[in-house]
Amino acid sequence: MPVGVVLRRTPGVTRWAKWSWRAIAVLPGAGPAHWRELRREGDAVEYHAATVSLELYQAETEAYLHGITARAPSVYVVMRKVLGEFPYEIVLITASPYEAQDYCDSGEDIVEKVPMPPGLLAWVGDFVERHHEDEEFVKRRRKGEKVDGHQDGIGDPRIAKPADIYASPTLKRGRLL
């Protein structure tokens, strides 16, 4: 589904950042756009920065389900800093919080969480309902090696060691004499 991304530019709050940019909304089914001005209120300007395709995959339905059942269902806009008149390129829009986390881990991209409009929420919810299959949890079993065994000699009074940290003070005195 084509989804438009709305970015808002406001004056920066420090002398080092002239402008502050933030993704504030998405427009499901939007037509093509390239930094088209939508609204101006004093120094604050909202742009329809780009329209990108939101793609859903059957293998990711668990992530989509997690995202749409959250307290505030959201989509994630991934932006990359570029040189030019407008400072960001819209790289991706995703409904998967897991994929958004992967982009956050790199540190090179900016990931903005944007509330999901009701129509988009219904579209993603319908996709999840049609394709999601719960995976049964299977606990792995260890094979061969016994891990709950006891370590030989630690704290055993029959084995004399000068550096036995588990020995009682009385036992240690007896070894020194």
Protein backbone atom coordinates (compact mmCIF):
# COMPACT_ATOMS: atom_id res chain seq x y z
CA MET A 1 0.00 0.00 0.00
CA PRO A 2 1.38 3.44 -0.81
CA VAL A 3 1.73 5.52 2.36
CA GLY A 4 2.63 9.20 2.49
CA VAL A 5 4.88 10.47 5.27
CA VAL A 6 4.28 13.89 6.82
CA LEU A 7 7.29 15.60 8.42
CA ARG A 8 7.04 18.72 10.57
CA ARG A 9 9.85 21.29 10.71
CA THR A 10 9.97 23.57 13.75
CA PRO A 11 12.65 26.00 14.93
CA GLY A 12 15.41 24.33 16.95
CA VAL A 13 15.68 24.95 20.65
CA THR A 14 19.47 25.35 20.74
CA ARG A 15 21.83 27.48 18.72
CA TRP A 16 23.46 24.32 17.31
CA ALA A 17 20.28 22.97 15.72
CA LYS A 18 18.56 25.49 13.47
CA TRP A 19 15.59 23.19 12.76
CA SER A 20 13.93 20.24 14.44
CA TRP A 21 12.35 17.61 12.15
CA ARG A 22 9.80 15.04 13.21
CA ALA A 23 7.53 12.51 11.47
CA ILE A 24 4.03 13.32 12.71
CA ALA A 25 1.58 11.46 10.48
CA VAL A 26 1.12 8.97 7.67
CA LEU A 27 -1.35 9.15 4.79
CA PRO A 28 -2.55 5.69 3.64
CA GLY A 29 -3.18 5.50 -0.11
CA ALA A 30 -1.40 8.80 -0.81
CA GLY A 31 -0.23 9.76 -4.28
CA PRO A 32 3.39 10.49 -5.18
CA ALA A 33 4.96 13.53 -3.53
CA HIS A 34 8.36 15.07 -3.03
CA TRP A 35 8.50 17.54 -0.15
CA ARG A 36 5.18 19.20 -0.95
CA GLU A 37 4.24 21.83 1.63
CA LEU A 38 0.94 21.01 3.33
CA ARG A 39 0.58 23.62 6.06
CA ARG A 40 2.45 26.58 7.55
CA GLU A 41 1.91 28.04 11.02
CA GLY A 42 4.48 30.75 11.67
CA ASP A 43 7.89 29.05 11.56
CA ALA A 44 6.41 25.53 11.74
CA VAL A 45 5.93 23.85 8.35
CA GLU A 46 4.47 20.43 7.54
CA TYR A 47 5.60 18.61 4.40
CA HIS A 48 4.35 15.57 2.56
CA ALA A 49 7.95 14.40 2.29
CA ALA A 50 7.51 11.21 0.28
CA THR A 51 5.21 8.34 -0.52
CA VAL A 52 6.69 4.91 0.09
CA SER A 53 5.25 1.44 -0.17
CA LEU A 54 4.22 -0.38 3.01
CA GLU A 55 4.71 -4.08 2.35
CA LEU A 56 3.48 -6.85 4.61
CA TYR A 57 4.96 -10.35 4.68
CA GLN A 58 3.38 -13.58 5.92
CA ALA A 59 6.51 -14.53 7.86
CA GLU A 60 6.28 -11.32 9.93
CA THR A 61 2.69 -11.65 11.19
CA GLU A 62 3.82 -12.16 14.79
CA ALA A 63 5.56 -8.77 14.72
CA TYR A 64 2.53 -7.07 13.13
CA LEU A 65 0.26 -8.63 15.75
CA HIS A 66 2.54 -7.31 18.48
CA GLY A 67 2.42 -3.84 16.90
CA ILE A 68 -1.35 -3.59 16.40
CA THR A 69 -2.20 -4.90 19.87
CA ALA A 70 0.06 -2.36 21.58
CA ARG A 71 -1.48 0.41 23.70
CA ALA A 72 -0.92 2.85 20.80
CA PRO A 73 -0.73 0.96 17.47
CA SER A 74 1.96 2.57 15.34
CA VAL A 75 3.95 2.39 12.15
CA TYR A 76 7.63 3.23 12.02
CA VAL A 77 9.23 5.65 9.57
CA VAL A 78 12.92 5.07 8.84
CA MET A 79 14.76 8.21 7.68
CA ARG A 80 18.34 8.75 6.58
CA LYS A 81 20.20 12.06 6.71
CA VAL A 82 21.20 13.46 3.29
CA LEU A 83 22.77 16.66 2.00
CA GLY A 84 20.59 19.13 0.14
CA GLU A 85 17.65 21.45 0.61
CA PHE A 86 15.73 18.88 2.66
CA PRO A 87 17.77 16.96 5.25
CA TYR A 88 16.11 13.53 5.18
CA GLU A 89 15.37 10.75 2.75
CA ILE A 90 12.47 8.46 3.68
CA VAL A 91 13.97 4.97 3.45
CA LEU A 92 11.15 2.75 4.67
CA ILE A 93 7.84 2.56 6.46
CA THR A 94 7.06 -0.61 8.42
CA ALA A 95 4.33 -1.96 10.68
CA SER A 96 6.83 -4.30 12.38
CA PRO A 97 8.31 -3.07 15.68
CA TYR A 98 10.96 -5.80 15.32
CA GLU A 99 12.18 -4.45 11.97
CA ALA A 100 12.16 -0.90 13.38
CA GLN A 101 14.36 -2.09 16.25
CA ASP A 102 16.84 -3.54 13.76
CA TYR A 103 17.17 -0.13 12.09
CA CYS A 104 17.62 1.54 15.50
CA ASP A 105 20.49 -0.80 16.32
CA SER A 106 22.64 0.43 13.43
CA GLY A 107 22.70 4.02 14.72
CA GLU A 108 22.88 5.38 11.16
CA ASP A 109 19.16 5.83 10.60
CA ILE A 110 16.47 7.78 12.43
CA VAL A 111 13.36 5.78 13.32
CA GLU A 112 10.18 7.69 14.19
CA LYS A 113 7.11 6.06 15.72
CA VAL A 114 3.90 7.44 14.18
CA PRO A 115 0.34 6.60 15.29
CA MET A 116 -1.40 4.23 12.89
CA PRO A 117 -4.60 5.69 11.35
CA PRO A 118 -7.76 3.56 11.79
CA GLY A 119 -7.93 2.57 8.09
CA LEU A 120 -4.33 1.36 8.08
CA LEU A 121 -4.89 -0.44 11.39
CA ALA A 122 -7.84 -2.29 9.85
CA TRP A 123 -5.78 -3.21 6.76
CA VAL A 124 -2.88 -4.61 8.82
CA GLY A 125 -5.29 -6.33 11.21
CA ASP A 126 -7.07 -8.03 8.30
CA PHE A 127 -3.72 -9.22 6.90
CA VAL A 128 -2.73 -10.67 10.28
CA GLU A 129 -6.10 -12.35 10.71
CA ARG A 130 -5.82 -14.05 7.30
CA HIS A 131 -2.17 -15.16 7.53
CA HIS A 132 -1.12 -15.51 11.19
CA GLU A 133 -0.54 -18.99 12.60
CA ASP A 134 0.49 -19.36 16.21
CA GLU A 135 3.77 -21.19 16.62
CA GLU A 136 3.86 -23.75 19.39
CA PHE A 137 6.66 -23.15 21.87
CA VAL A 138 9.09 -26.07 21.93
CA LYS A 139 11.62 -26.18 24.73
CA ARG A 140 15.02 -27.43 23.64
CA ARG A 141 16.48 -30.31 25.58
CA ARG A 142 20.13 -30.72 26.39
CA LYS A 143 21.67 -33.88 25.07
CA GLY A 144 24.38 -35.96 26.68
CA GLU A 145 26.15 -33.80 29.21
CA LYS A 146 24.86 -33.60 32.76
CA VAL A 147 24.99 -29.99 33.90
CA ASP A 148 23.66 -30.29 37.43
CA GLY A 149 26.59 -32.36 38.64
CA HIS A 150 28.60 -31.60 41.71
CA GLN A 151 32.16 -30.30 41.62
CA ASP A 152 34.61 -32.71 43.18
CA GLY A 153 36.61 -31.59 46.17
CA ILE A 154 35.16 -28.15 46.85
CA GLY A 155 34.36 -27.94 50.55
CA ASP A 156 35.11 -31.62 51.10
CA PRO A 157 36.97 -31.91 54.44
CA ARG A 158 38.68 -35.14 53.32
CA ILE A 159 40.59 -33.28 50.57
CA ALA A 160 43.16 -30.91 52.04
CA LYS A 161 43.84 -27.75 50.03
CA PRO A 162 45.33 -24.52 51.34
CA ALA A 163 43.09 -22.37 49.13
CA ASP A 164 39.71 -23.95 49.82
CA ILE A 165 37.44 -20.91 50.04
CA TYR A 166 34.48 -23.03 51.14
CA ALA A 167 36.23 -24.47 54.21
CA SER A 168 35.18 -23.32 57.67
CA PRO A 169 37.66 -21.30 59.79
CA THR A 170 38.07 -24.26 62.18
CA LEU A 171 38.99 -26.58 59.33
CA LYS A 172 41.47 -24.02 57.94
CA ARG A 173 43.17 -23.67 61.38
CA GLY A 174 43.54 -27.44 61.59
CA ARG A 175 45.35 -27.51 58.24
CA LEU A 176 47.83 -24.83 59.26
CA LEU A 177 48.96 -26.63 62.44
